[in-house]
Each structure stands twice: as structure tokens, then as C-alpha cells.
Amino acid sequence: MASYHLRLKNDSKPNGTKVSAKGHADYILREDGKTHSDYINREGENLQNDCIFKMVHLPSWADGSAQKFFSAATRYEDKGNRRFKEIEMSLPNELNLEQNREIVDRFIEENLKSHYYAYAIHEKNGAISGERHPHVHIMFSERLIDDVEKVKERLAYKYFSRAAKPLKGEKEASFERRREHGAPKDKRCHSKKTE
């Protein structure tokens, strides 16, 4: 039987406390032996790893490490800014891993192709039903891969700094000024329609 689940999360708990961006990346990518049980029980015991696939799309300075990328977000984002957003979504248990990867890749292509991200597909058996429960965690930066970033990647401290605002009489800040500032944030991430 199909089950549906989609949740969009911010980098903070309901009480406003910020979640560790690196720690959350460790959790979803199951780095350092972290499992869901470890997270729920706050235990360090390494139980069965339910992470069956990982993928990242990150700037070269991150060296393919989501932990390095999201640690930089924590270090360089202005205080009070979100360092990441996460989409958690169920995947059809009737499909195999390759078919579910196609679904995730198509979702990213349609919605997050202009963002740096890391995703992990987890699969565990339901406690009651015993059925497979595949789902994906997509962790991404609200900052866009803009035309400046496509020409030459910004360094980490620059990427997470404030974006350039247009000067008086400009519709958009010049390429050179945008190069000296951070990547812009995706306005959709702050829309009530996507919250």
C-alpha cells in the first residue's frame, strides 16, 4: 500500500533553537555511523545503516563533502539567516532504487537545479507492516547558483555573504558588484506558498 509523506523543514526546532547544519548533514547521509535510532535515542551505538544511496551537488571548495559545505554555511551566514532547508519525502515502495532515484533526480531538476544540495535515500522496514519504507532527505542551501557562480565559483566566505543590491537607477547590481558579494537567496524559499 502506498504511503505519502512530504515535509519541508528549516534549520531550527519549533522552539527556535538552531539545528547543527553539519550534524544534520551527518545524520541524513549517515556519516560517522549515525542512524535514525542513534538520533531518536541520542545514542552513539552503530545500528543497521538504512542509507542506501547518497548524492551531492556542491561547489569545488567543498571537496564533495556536505559536512564541509554546511559547516561553512554555519560559519559564514549572517546570524539569524537559515543555513539550510530540508525536504523529506516518501518514495513508492513498489519501485526499486533506480526508479526512485529517477523520481528524486527529476524533482531536483524541476525544483532545485539552481541550488547546492546533498540528498540521501533511506530505506527501512515499517515496524508494524514490515513493508519497505523508502524515503529521501534533500538538504539544500537557499542561496542560488547564479550567473556569477556559474562563471567562477565564489569562495565559501563570499558565497554565504550578503548579495549585492542594485544601486540607485539600476534594475540589477552589476556583474562585477555581484561577484564581490554573496549569492542571492531564492525568493521562493521565503514565500508562504512554499512554506
N, C-alpha and C. Protein backbone atom coordinates (compact mmCIF):
# COMPACT_ATOMS: atom_id res chain seq x y z
N MET A 1 0.85 -1.18 0.00
CA MET A 1 0.00 0.00 0.00
C MET A 1 0.89 1.24 0.00
N ALA A 2 0.55 2.19 -0.86
CA ALA A 2 1.34 3.43 -0.97
C ALA A 2 1.11 4.32 0.25
N SER A 3 2.18 4.96 0.69
CA SER A 3 2.05 5.94 1.76
C SER A 3 2.65 7.25 1.25
N TYR A 4 2.09 8.35 1.70
CA TYR A 4 2.52 9.65 1.23
C TYR A 4 3.00 10.48 2.40
N HIS A 5 4.13 11.12 2.19
CA HIS A 5 4.68 11.98 3.24
C HIS A 5 5.58 13.01 2.56
N LEU A 6 5.36 14.26 2.86
CA LEU A 6 6.20 15.34 2.37
C LEU A 6 6.29 16.39 3.47
N ARG A 7 7.52 16.73 3.82
CA ARG A 7 7.70 17.73 4.86
C ARG A 7 8.85 18.66 4.46
N LEU A 8 8.65 19.95 4.62
CA LEU A 8 9.68 20.95 4.37
C LEU A 8 10.11 21.48 5.73
N LYS A 9 11.41 21.34 6.02
CA LYS A 9 11.92 21.74 7.33
C LYS A 9 12.94 22.86 7.17
N ASN A 10 13.02 23.69 8.19
CA ASN A 10 14.04 24.74 8.27
C ASN A 10 15.17 24.25 9.17
N ASP A 11 16.15 25.09 9.39
CA ASP A 11 17.31 24.72 10.20
C ASP A 11 17.11 24.98 11.69
N SER A 12 15.86 25.06 12.13
CA SER A 12 15.63 25.28 13.56
C SER A 12 14.48 24.42 14.06
N LYS A 13 14.51 24.18 15.35
CA LYS A 13 13.45 23.41 16.01
C LYS A 13 12.25 24.32 16.23
N PRO A 14 11.08 23.75 16.56
CA PRO A 14 9.90 24.59 16.81
C PRO A 14 10.11 25.68 17.86
N ASN A 15 11.02 25.45 18.82
CA ASN A 15 11.27 26.46 19.86
C ASN A 15 12.24 27.54 19.40
N GLY A 16 12.72 27.44 18.14
CA GLY A 16 13.62 28.46 17.59
C GLY A 16 15.10 28.14 17.71
N THR A 17 15.44 27.07 18.43
CA THR A 17 16.84 26.66 18.57
C THR A 17 17.36 26.17 17.23
N LYS A 18 18.54 26.66 16.83
CA LYS A 18 19.15 26.25 15.56
C LYS A 18 19.68 24.82 15.66
N VAL A 19 19.45 24.06 14.59
CA VAL A 19 19.99 22.70 14.47
C VAL A 19 21.38 22.81 13.86
N SER A 20 22.31 22.00 14.29
CA SER A 20 23.65 21.99 13.72
C SER A 20 23.56 21.56 12.25
N ALA A 21 24.01 22.41 11.34
CA ALA A 21 23.95 22.09 9.92
C ALA A 21 24.84 20.90 9.60
N LYS A 22 26.06 20.88 10.14
CA LYS A 22 26.96 19.75 9.90
C LYS A 22 26.39 18.48 10.53
N GLY A 23 25.89 18.60 11.73
CA GLY A 23 25.30 17.45 12.41
C GLY A 23 24.11 16.89 11.65
N HIS A 24 23.31 17.77 11.08
CA HIS A 24 22.15 17.30 10.31
C HIS A 24 22.61 16.62 9.02
N ALA A 25 23.63 17.16 8.38
CA ALA A 25 24.19 16.51 7.19
C ALA A 25 24.75 15.14 7.56
N ASP A 26 25.45 15.04 8.71
CA ASP A 26 25.94 13.74 9.19
C ASP A 26 24.78 12.76 9.34
N TYR A 27 23.69 13.26 9.91
CA TYR A 27 22.53 12.40 10.17
C TYR A 27 21.90 11.90 8.87
N ILE A 28 21.58 12.80 7.93
CA ILE A 28 20.88 12.32 6.74
C ILE A 28 21.77 11.48 5.84
N LEU A 29 23.08 11.77 5.82
CA LEU A 29 24.00 10.99 4.99
C LEU A 29 24.58 9.80 5.75
N ARG A 30 24.18 9.65 7.01
CA ARG A 30 24.62 8.56 7.87
C ARG A 30 26.13 8.49 7.98
N GLU A 31 26.75 9.67 8.13
CA GLU A 31 28.18 9.73 8.34
C GLU A 31 28.48 9.43 9.80
N ASP A 32 29.69 9.05 10.08
CA ASP A 32 30.14 8.75 11.44
C ASP A 32 29.27 7.69 12.12
N GLY A 33 28.66 6.79 11.32
CA GLY A 33 27.87 5.71 11.89
C GLY A 33 26.54 6.14 12.47
N LYS A 34 26.08 7.34 12.14
CA LYS A 34 24.81 7.83 12.68
C LYS A 34 23.64 7.09 12.02
N THR A 35 22.69 6.67 12.81
CA THR A 35 21.47 6.05 12.29
C THR A 35 20.28 6.77 12.90
N HIS A 36 19.10 6.47 12.38
CA HIS A 36 17.89 7.10 12.89
C HIS A 36 17.71 6.75 14.38
N SER A 37 18.01 5.51 14.72
CA SER A 37 17.89 5.11 16.13
C SER A 37 18.85 5.90 17.01
N ASP A 38 20.07 6.12 16.51
CA ASP A 38 21.03 6.95 17.26
C ASP A 38 20.43 8.32 17.52
N TYR A 39 19.83 8.87 16.48
CA TYR A 39 19.26 10.22 16.57
C TYR A 39 18.11 10.25 17.57
N ILE A 40 17.17 9.32 17.45
CA ILE A 40 16.00 9.31 18.33
C ILE A 40 16.40 9.02 19.78
N ASN A 41 17.25 8.02 19.95
CA ASN A 41 17.64 7.61 21.30
C ASN A 41 18.81 8.38 21.86
N ARG A 42 19.39 9.28 21.03
CA ARG A 42 20.55 10.06 21.42
C ARG A 42 21.68 9.13 21.88
N GLU A 43 21.84 8.02 21.15
CA GLU A 43 22.88 7.06 21.48
C GLU A 43 23.93 7.04 20.39
N GLY A 44 25.13 6.64 20.73
CA GLY A 44 26.20 6.56 19.75
C GLY A 44 26.37 5.17 19.17
N GLU A 45 25.54 4.23 19.60
CA GLU A 45 25.64 2.86 19.14
C GLU A 45 25.38 2.78 17.64
N ASN A 46 26.23 2.08 16.90
CA ASN A 46 26.07 1.96 15.46
C ASN A 46 25.14 0.79 15.16
N LEU A 47 23.92 1.09 14.77
CA LEU A 47 22.94 0.07 14.41
C LEU A 47 22.92 -0.08 12.90
N GLN A 48 22.00 -0.87 12.38
CA GLN A 48 21.95 -1.12 10.94
C GLN A 48 21.82 0.19 10.16
N ASN A 49 22.63 0.35 9.13
CA ASN A 49 22.62 1.56 8.31
C ASN A 49 21.52 1.45 7.26
N ASP A 50 20.59 2.38 7.29
CA ASP A 50 19.46 2.35 6.35
C ASP A 50 19.65 3.29 5.17
N CYS A 51 20.82 3.91 5.04
CA CYS A 51 21.11 4.81 3.93
C CYS A 51 21.56 3.96 2.74
N ILE A 52 20.77 3.98 1.64
CA ILE A 52 21.10 3.11 0.51
C ILE A 52 21.65 3.87 -0.69
N PHE A 53 21.59 5.20 -0.66
CA PHE A 53 22.16 5.98 -1.76
C PHE A 53 22.39 7.41 -1.29
N LYS A 54 23.51 8.01 -1.75
CA LYS A 54 23.84 9.41 -1.43
C LYS A 54 24.25 10.13 -2.71
N MET A 55 23.94 11.42 -2.78
CA MET A 55 24.35 12.24 -3.92
C MET A 55 24.55 13.66 -3.43
N VAL A 56 25.57 14.32 -3.95
CA VAL A 56 25.80 15.73 -3.62
C VAL A 56 26.03 16.52 -4.90
N HIS A 57 25.63 17.77 -4.87
CA HIS A 57 25.95 18.75 -5.91
C HIS A 57 26.43 19.98 -5.14
N LEU A 58 27.75 20.15 -5.11
CA LEU A 58 28.36 21.17 -4.25
C LEU A 58 29.46 21.90 -5.01
N PRO A 59 29.86 23.09 -4.52
CA PRO A 59 30.97 23.80 -5.16
C PRO A 59 32.27 23.02 -4.95
N SER A 60 33.28 23.31 -5.77
CA SER A 60 34.54 22.56 -5.70
C SER A 60 35.24 22.73 -4.35
N TRP A 61 35.11 23.92 -3.71
CA TRP A 61 35.79 24.12 -2.42
C TRP A 61 35.27 23.19 -1.33
N ALA A 62 34.08 22.59 -1.52
CA ALA A 62 33.54 21.67 -0.51
C ALA A 62 34.12 20.26 -0.65
N ASP A 63 34.87 20.01 -1.73
CA ASP A 63 35.51 18.70 -1.94
C ASP A 63 34.53 17.53 -1.84
N GLY A 64 33.30 17.74 -2.32
CA GLY A 64 32.30 16.67 -2.30
C GLY A 64 31.74 16.36 -0.93
N SER A 65 32.04 17.19 0.06
CA SER A 65 31.62 16.95 1.44
C SER A 65 30.47 17.88 1.84
N ALA A 66 29.31 17.28 2.06
CA ALA A 66 28.17 18.07 2.54
C ALA A 66 28.47 18.66 3.91
N GLN A 67 29.22 17.92 4.72
CA GLN A 67 29.57 18.41 6.05
C GLN A 67 30.42 19.69 5.93
N LYS A 68 31.37 19.70 5.01
CA LYS A 68 32.21 20.89 4.82
C LYS A 68 31.39 22.06 4.30
N PHE A 69 30.49 21.79 3.35
CA PHE A 69 29.65 22.84 2.79
C PHE A 69 28.73 23.45 3.86
N PHE A 70 28.02 22.60 4.61
CA PHE A 70 27.06 23.12 5.58
C PHE A 70 27.76 23.67 6.84
N SER A 71 28.97 23.22 7.13
CA SER A 71 29.76 23.86 8.19
C SER A 71 30.11 25.29 7.79
N ALA A 72 30.45 25.48 6.51
CA ALA A 72 30.74 26.83 6.01
C ALA A 72 29.48 27.70 6.07
N ALA A 73 28.33 27.11 5.79
CA ALA A 73 27.07 27.87 5.90
C ALA A 73 26.88 28.34 7.34
N THR A 74 27.15 27.47 8.29
CA THR A 74 27.03 27.84 9.71
C THR A 74 28.01 28.96 10.06
N ARG A 75 29.21 28.85 9.55
CA ARG A 75 30.24 29.83 9.89
C ARG A 75 30.01 31.19 9.25
N TYR A 76 29.57 31.21 7.98
CA TYR A 76 29.55 32.46 7.22
C TYR A 76 28.18 33.10 7.00
N GLU A 77 27.10 32.37 7.18
CA GLU A 77 25.78 33.00 7.03
C GLU A 77 25.60 34.02 8.14
N ASP A 78 24.94 35.13 7.83
CA ASP A 78 24.65 36.13 8.86
C ASP A 78 23.81 35.49 9.96
N LYS A 79 24.04 35.95 11.17
CA LYS A 79 23.28 35.45 12.31
C LYS A 79 21.78 35.65 12.04
N GLY A 80 21.01 34.64 12.28
CA GLY A 80 19.57 34.73 12.06
C GLY A 80 19.14 34.20 10.70
N ASN A 81 20.08 34.09 9.75
CA ASN A 81 19.74 33.53 8.44
C ASN A 81 19.67 32.01 8.52
N ARG A 82 18.83 31.44 7.68
CA ARG A 82 18.77 29.99 7.60
C ARG A 82 20.00 29.47 6.87
N ARG A 83 20.56 28.41 7.39
CA ARG A 83 21.74 27.81 6.79
C ARG A 83 21.40 26.70 5.83
N PHE A 84 20.21 26.12 6.00
CA PHE A 84 19.75 25.08 5.09
C PHE A 84 18.24 24.91 5.22
N LYS A 85 17.69 24.25 4.23
CA LYS A 85 16.32 23.77 4.29
C LYS A 85 16.40 22.29 3.95
N GLU A 86 15.40 21.54 4.38
CA GLU A 86 15.36 20.12 4.08
C GLU A 86 13.98 19.73 3.59
N ILE A 87 13.97 18.90 2.57
CA ILE A 87 12.73 18.30 2.09
C ILE A 87 12.83 16.81 2.40
N GLU A 88 11.85 16.31 3.11
CA GLU A 88 11.77 14.89 3.44
C GLU A 88 10.54 14.35 2.73
N MET A 89 10.71 13.30 1.93
CA MET A 89 9.61 12.84 1.10
C MET A 89 9.62 11.32 0.99
N SER A 90 8.44 10.71 1.15
CA SER A 90 8.31 9.27 0.93
C SER A 90 8.48 8.95 -0.54
N LEU A 91 8.98 7.77 -0.81
CA LEU A 91 9.12 7.27 -2.17
C LEU A 91 8.29 5.99 -2.30
N PRO A 92 7.81 5.69 -3.50
CA PRO A 92 6.98 4.49 -3.66
C PRO A 92 7.75 3.20 -3.35
N ASN A 93 7.22 2.39 -2.44
CA ASN A 93 7.91 1.15 -2.09
C ASN A 93 7.74 0.08 -3.16
N GLU A 94 6.87 0.34 -4.13
CA GLU A 94 6.70 -0.60 -5.25
C GLU A 94 7.84 -0.48 -6.27
N LEU A 95 8.60 0.60 -6.18
CA LEU A 95 9.67 0.85 -7.15
C LEU A 95 11.02 0.45 -6.56
N ASN A 96 11.97 0.12 -7.45
CA ASN A 96 13.31 -0.21 -6.98
C ASN A 96 14.13 1.07 -6.80
N LEU A 97 15.37 0.92 -6.36
CA LEU A 97 16.23 2.07 -6.08
C LEU A 97 16.43 2.94 -7.31
N GLU A 98 16.73 2.35 -8.44
CA GLU A 98 16.97 3.13 -9.67
C GLU A 98 15.74 3.95 -10.05
N GLN A 99 14.55 3.37 -9.95
CA GLN A 99 13.32 4.09 -10.29
C GLN A 99 13.07 5.22 -9.30
N ASN A 100 13.34 4.98 -8.02
CA ASN A 100 13.16 6.04 -7.03
C ASN A 100 14.20 7.15 -7.22
N ARG A 101 15.43 6.77 -7.61
CA ARG A 101 16.43 7.80 -7.91
C ARG A 101 15.98 8.68 -9.07
N GLU A 102 15.34 8.08 -10.07
CA GLU A 102 14.82 8.87 -11.20
C GLU A 102 13.80 9.89 -10.72
N ILE A 103 12.94 9.48 -9.80
CA ILE A 103 11.93 10.40 -9.25
C ILE A 103 12.61 11.56 -8.53
N VAL A 104 13.59 11.24 -7.68
CA VAL A 104 14.30 12.28 -6.92
C VAL A 104 15.05 13.21 -7.86
N ASP A 105 15.76 12.63 -8.83
CA ASP A 105 16.53 13.45 -9.77
C ASP A 105 15.62 14.36 -10.59
N ARG A 106 14.46 13.87 -10.98
CA ARG A 106 13.51 14.70 -11.73
C ARG A 106 12.97 15.83 -10.84
N PHE A 107 12.67 15.51 -9.58
CA PHE A 107 12.20 16.53 -8.63
C PHE A 107 13.26 17.62 -8.47
N ILE A 108 14.52 17.22 -8.30
CA ILE A 108 15.59 18.20 -8.14
C ILE A 108 15.75 19.03 -9.40
N GLU A 109 15.71 18.40 -10.56
CA GLU A 109 15.85 19.12 -11.83
C GLU A 109 14.75 20.18 -11.97
N GLU A 110 13.55 19.87 -11.54
CA GLU A 110 12.42 20.80 -11.67
C GLU A 110 12.40 21.86 -10.58
N ASN A 111 12.98 21.58 -9.42
CA ASN A 111 12.82 22.48 -8.28
C ASN A 111 14.11 23.03 -7.66
N LEU A 112 15.21 22.31 -7.78
CA LEU A 112 16.43 22.71 -7.06
C LEU A 112 17.69 22.73 -7.93
N LYS A 113 17.54 22.76 -9.24
CA LYS A 113 18.74 22.69 -10.09
C LYS A 113 19.65 23.90 -9.92
N SER A 114 19.14 24.99 -9.39
CA SER A 114 19.97 26.19 -9.18
C SER A 114 20.43 26.32 -7.73
N HIS A 115 20.51 25.20 -7.03
CA HIS A 115 20.93 25.19 -5.62
C HIS A 115 22.02 24.14 -5.44
N TYR A 116 22.86 24.35 -4.44
CA TYR A 116 23.76 23.30 -3.99
C TYR A 116 22.99 22.44 -3.01
N TYR A 117 23.19 21.13 -3.06
CA TYR A 117 22.40 20.22 -2.24
C TYR A 117 23.14 18.91 -1.97
N ALA A 118 22.60 18.19 -1.01
CA ALA A 118 23.01 16.81 -0.73
C ALA A 118 21.71 16.05 -0.49
N TYR A 119 21.65 14.84 -1.00
CA TYR A 119 20.48 14.03 -0.68
C TYR A 119 20.88 12.60 -0.38
N ALA A 120 20.02 11.96 0.41
CA ALA A 120 20.23 10.56 0.78
C ALA A 120 18.90 9.85 0.73
N ILE A 121 18.90 8.68 0.14
CA ILE A 121 17.71 7.82 0.14
C ILE A 121 17.91 6.81 1.26
N HIS A 122 16.93 6.75 2.15
CA HIS A 122 16.94 5.80 3.25
C HIS A 122 15.86 4.77 2.99
N GLU A 123 16.08 3.59 3.50
CA GLU A 123 15.06 2.55 3.40
C GLU A 123 15.09 1.73 4.68
N LYS A 124 13.95 1.64 5.29
CA LYS A 124 13.84 0.79 6.47
C LYS A 124 12.51 0.06 6.38
N ASN A 125 12.37 -0.98 7.16
CA ASN A 125 11.11 -1.72 7.18
C ASN A 125 10.21 -1.13 8.25
N GLY A 126 8.92 -0.99 7.91
CA GLY A 126 7.94 -0.47 8.85
C GLY A 126 7.84 -1.37 10.07
N ALA A 127 7.74 -0.78 11.25
CA ALA A 127 7.69 -1.55 12.50
C ALA A 127 6.44 -2.41 12.57
N ILE A 128 5.32 -1.92 12.05
CA ILE A 128 4.07 -2.66 12.13
C ILE A 128 3.84 -3.49 10.88
N SER A 129 3.95 -2.86 9.72
CA SER A 129 3.64 -3.54 8.46
C SER A 129 4.76 -4.46 7.98
N GLY A 130 5.99 -4.14 8.34
CA GLY A 130 7.12 -4.91 7.85
C GLY A 130 7.48 -4.57 6.41
N GLU A 131 6.71 -3.68 5.77
CA GLU A 131 6.96 -3.28 4.39
C GLU A 131 8.14 -2.31 4.32
N ARG A 132 8.79 -2.30 3.15
CA ARG A 132 9.86 -1.34 2.89
C ARG A 132 9.30 0.08 2.98
N HIS A 133 10.09 0.97 3.52
CA HIS A 133 9.69 2.38 3.61
C HIS A 133 10.83 3.25 3.08
N PRO A 134 10.93 3.36 1.72
CA PRO A 134 11.97 4.23 1.17
C PRO A 134 11.55 5.70 1.26
N HIS A 135 12.49 6.55 1.57
CA HIS A 135 12.23 7.99 1.63
C HIS A 135 13.53 8.72 1.37
N VAL A 136 13.40 9.99 1.01
CA VAL A 136 14.58 10.79 0.69
C VAL A 136 14.63 12.02 1.58
N HIS A 137 15.85 12.40 1.95
CA HIS A 137 16.12 13.66 2.65
C HIS A 137 16.95 14.50 1.69
N ILE A 138 16.46 15.67 1.32
CA ILE A 138 17.21 16.58 0.45
C ILE A 138 17.53 17.82 1.27
N MET A 139 18.79 18.05 1.50
CA MET A 139 19.24 19.20 2.28
C MET A 139 19.89 20.17 1.30
N PHE A 140 19.43 21.44 1.31
CA PHE A 140 19.93 22.39 0.32
C PHE A 140 20.09 23.78 0.91
N SER A 141 20.92 24.57 0.23
CA SER A 141 21.11 25.97 0.59
C SER A 141 20.05 26.80 -0.12
N GLU A 142 19.54 27.81 0.57
CA GLU A 142 18.59 28.74 -0.07
C GLU A 142 19.28 29.61 -1.11
N ARG A 143 20.60 29.70 -1.03
CA ARG A 143 21.34 30.55 -1.97
C ARG A 143 21.38 29.90 -3.35
N LEU A 144 21.28 30.75 -4.37
CA LEU A 144 21.21 30.27 -5.74
C LEU A 144 22.59 30.14 -6.38
N ILE A 145 22.67 29.25 -7.33
CA ILE A 145 23.83 29.18 -8.21
C ILE A 145 23.49 30.15 -9.34
N ASP A 146 23.90 31.40 -9.18
CA ASP A 146 23.54 32.45 -10.14
C ASP A 146 24.53 32.49 -11.30
N ASP A 147 24.36 33.43 -12.22
CA ASP A 147 25.25 33.53 -13.39
C ASP A 147 26.69 33.80 -12.97
N VAL A 148 26.89 34.53 -11.88
CA VAL A 148 28.23 34.81 -11.38
C VAL A 148 28.89 33.50 -10.93
N GLU A 149 28.17 32.72 -10.17
CA GLU A 149 28.68 31.45 -9.64
C GLU A 149 28.99 30.46 -10.77
N LYS A 150 28.19 30.51 -11.82
CA LYS A 150 28.41 29.61 -12.96
C LYS A 150 29.69 29.95 -13.72
N VAL A 151 30.04 31.24 -13.77
CA VAL A 151 31.27 31.66 -14.46
C VAL A 151 32.49 31.27 -13.63
N LYS A 152 32.47 31.60 -12.34
CA LYS A 152 33.57 31.24 -11.44
C LYS A 152 33.02 31.17 -10.02
N GLU A 153 33.17 30.01 -9.41
CA GLU A 153 32.64 29.82 -8.06
C GLU A 153 33.25 30.82 -7.08
N ARG A 154 32.40 31.33 -6.20
CA ARG A 154 32.87 32.18 -5.11
C ARG A 154 33.53 31.30 -4.05
N LEU A 155 34.42 31.89 -3.26
CA LEU A 155 34.96 31.19 -2.10
C LEU A 155 33.84 31.07 -1.07
N ALA A 156 34.00 30.16 -0.12
CA ALA A 156 32.95 29.89 0.86
C ALA A 156 32.48 31.14 1.58
N TYR A 157 33.42 31.94 2.13
CA TYR A 157 33.01 33.12 2.89
C TYR A 157 32.25 34.11 2.02
N LYS A 158 32.61 34.17 0.75
CA LYS A 158 31.95 35.10 -0.17
C LYS A 158 30.56 34.57 -0.56
N TYR A 159 30.48 33.27 -0.85
CA TYR A 159 29.21 32.67 -1.28
C TYR A 159 28.11 32.91 -0.25
N PHE A 160 28.43 32.77 1.03
CA PHE A 160 27.42 32.90 2.08
C PHE A 160 27.26 34.33 2.61
N SER A 161 27.93 35.31 2.01
CA SER A 161 27.76 36.69 2.46
C SER A 161 26.55 37.32 1.76
N ARG A 162 26.21 38.52 2.16
CA ARG A 162 25.03 39.19 1.59
C ARG A 162 25.19 39.44 0.10
N ALA A 163 24.10 39.29 -0.60
CA ALA A 163 24.10 39.55 -2.05
C ALA A 163 24.11 41.07 -2.29
N ALA A 164 24.65 41.46 -3.42
CA ALA A 164 24.71 42.89 -3.78
C ALA A 164 23.30 43.38 -4.12
N LYS A 165 23.01 44.58 -3.66
CA LYS A 165 21.73 45.23 -4.02
C LYS A 165 22.00 46.20 -5.16
N PRO A 166 21.00 46.43 -6.00
CA PRO A 166 21.19 47.40 -7.09
C PRO A 166 21.43 48.81 -6.55
N LEU A 167 22.28 49.54 -7.23
CA LEU A 167 22.49 50.94 -6.89
C LEU A 167 21.31 51.75 -7.44
N LYS A 168 21.19 52.96 -6.98
CA LYS A 168 20.10 53.82 -7.44
C LYS A 168 20.11 53.90 -8.97
N GLY A 169 18.95 53.66 -9.56
CA GLY A 169 18.82 53.72 -11.02
C GLY A 169 19.11 52.40 -11.72
N GLU A 170 19.60 51.40 -10.98
CA GLU A 170 19.88 50.08 -11.57
C GLU A 170 18.70 49.14 -11.31
N LYS A 171 18.40 48.28 -12.29
CA LYS A 171 17.41 47.24 -12.07
C LYS A 171 18.04 46.09 -11.31
N GLU A 172 19.32 45.85 -11.62
CA GLU A 172 20.07 44.76 -11.02
C GLU A 172 21.51 45.24 -10.80
N ALA A 173 22.11 44.75 -9.73
CA ALA A 173 23.52 45.10 -9.47
C ALA A 173 24.39 44.58 -10.61
N SER A 174 25.46 45.28 -10.89
CA SER A 174 26.36 44.88 -11.98
C SER A 174 27.00 43.53 -11.67
N PHE A 175 27.43 42.86 -12.71
CA PHE A 175 28.10 41.57 -12.58
C PHE A 175 29.30 41.69 -11.65
N GLU A 176 30.09 42.74 -11.82
CA GLU A 176 31.29 42.94 -11.00
C GLU A 176 30.94 43.11 -9.52
N ARG A 177 29.89 43.88 -9.24
CA ARG A 177 29.48 44.06 -7.84
C ARG A 177 28.91 42.76 -7.27
N ARG A 178 28.15 42.04 -8.09
CA ARG A 178 27.62 40.76 -7.62
C ARG A 178 28.73 39.75 -7.37
N ARG A 179 29.82 39.86 -8.13
CA ARG A 179 30.98 38.98 -7.98
C ARG A 179 31.64 39.21 -6.61
N GLU A 180 31.61 40.45 -6.14
CA GLU A 180 32.23 40.80 -4.86
C GLU A 180 31.33 40.52 -3.66
N HIS A 181 30.11 40.10 -3.92
CA HIS A 181 29.16 39.82 -2.84
C HIS A 181 28.71 38.37 -2.91
N GLY A 182 27.82 38.02 -1.98
CA GLY A 182 27.33 36.64 -1.90
C GLY A 182 26.30 36.31 -2.96
N ALA A 183 26.00 35.03 -3.03
CA ALA A 183 24.97 34.55 -3.94
C ALA A 183 23.60 34.97 -3.39
N PRO A 184 22.68 35.32 -4.28
CA PRO A 184 21.35 35.72 -3.81
C PRO A 184 20.57 34.53 -3.27
N LYS A 185 19.62 34.82 -2.39
CA LYS A 185 18.74 33.78 -1.87
C LYS A 185 17.55 33.61 -2.80
N ASP A 186 17.06 32.40 -2.88
CA ASP A 186 15.90 32.08 -3.69
C ASP A 186 14.65 32.64 -3.00
N LYS A 187 13.97 33.54 -3.66
CA LYS A 187 12.78 34.18 -3.07
C LYS A 187 11.68 33.16 -2.78
N ARG A 188 11.66 32.06 -3.54
CA ARG A 188 10.65 31.02 -3.30
C ARG A 188 10.78 30.40 -1.90
N CYS A 189 11.98 30.42 -1.35
CA CYS A 189 12.21 29.84 -0.03
C CYS A 189 11.58 30.66 1.08
N HIS A 190 11.17 31.87 0.77
CA HIS A 190 10.56 32.75 1.76
C HIS A 190 9.10 33.05 1.44
N SER A 191 8.55 32.32 0.51
CA SER A 191 7.17 32.51 0.11
C SER A 191 6.26 31.63 0.96
N LYS A 192 5.13 32.14 1.35
CA LYS A 192 4.16 31.37 2.12
C LYS A 192 3.63 30.18 1.31
N LYS A 193 3.69 30.28 -0.03
CA LYS A 193 3.22 29.20 -0.88
C LYS A 193 4.12 27.97 -0.78
N THR A 194 5.39 28.16 -0.44
CA THR A 194 6.31 27.03 -0.34
C THR A 194 6.61 26.64 1.09
N GLU A 195 6.20 27.43 2.06
CA GLU A 195 6.46 27.09 3.48
C GLU A 195 5.62 25.94 3.93
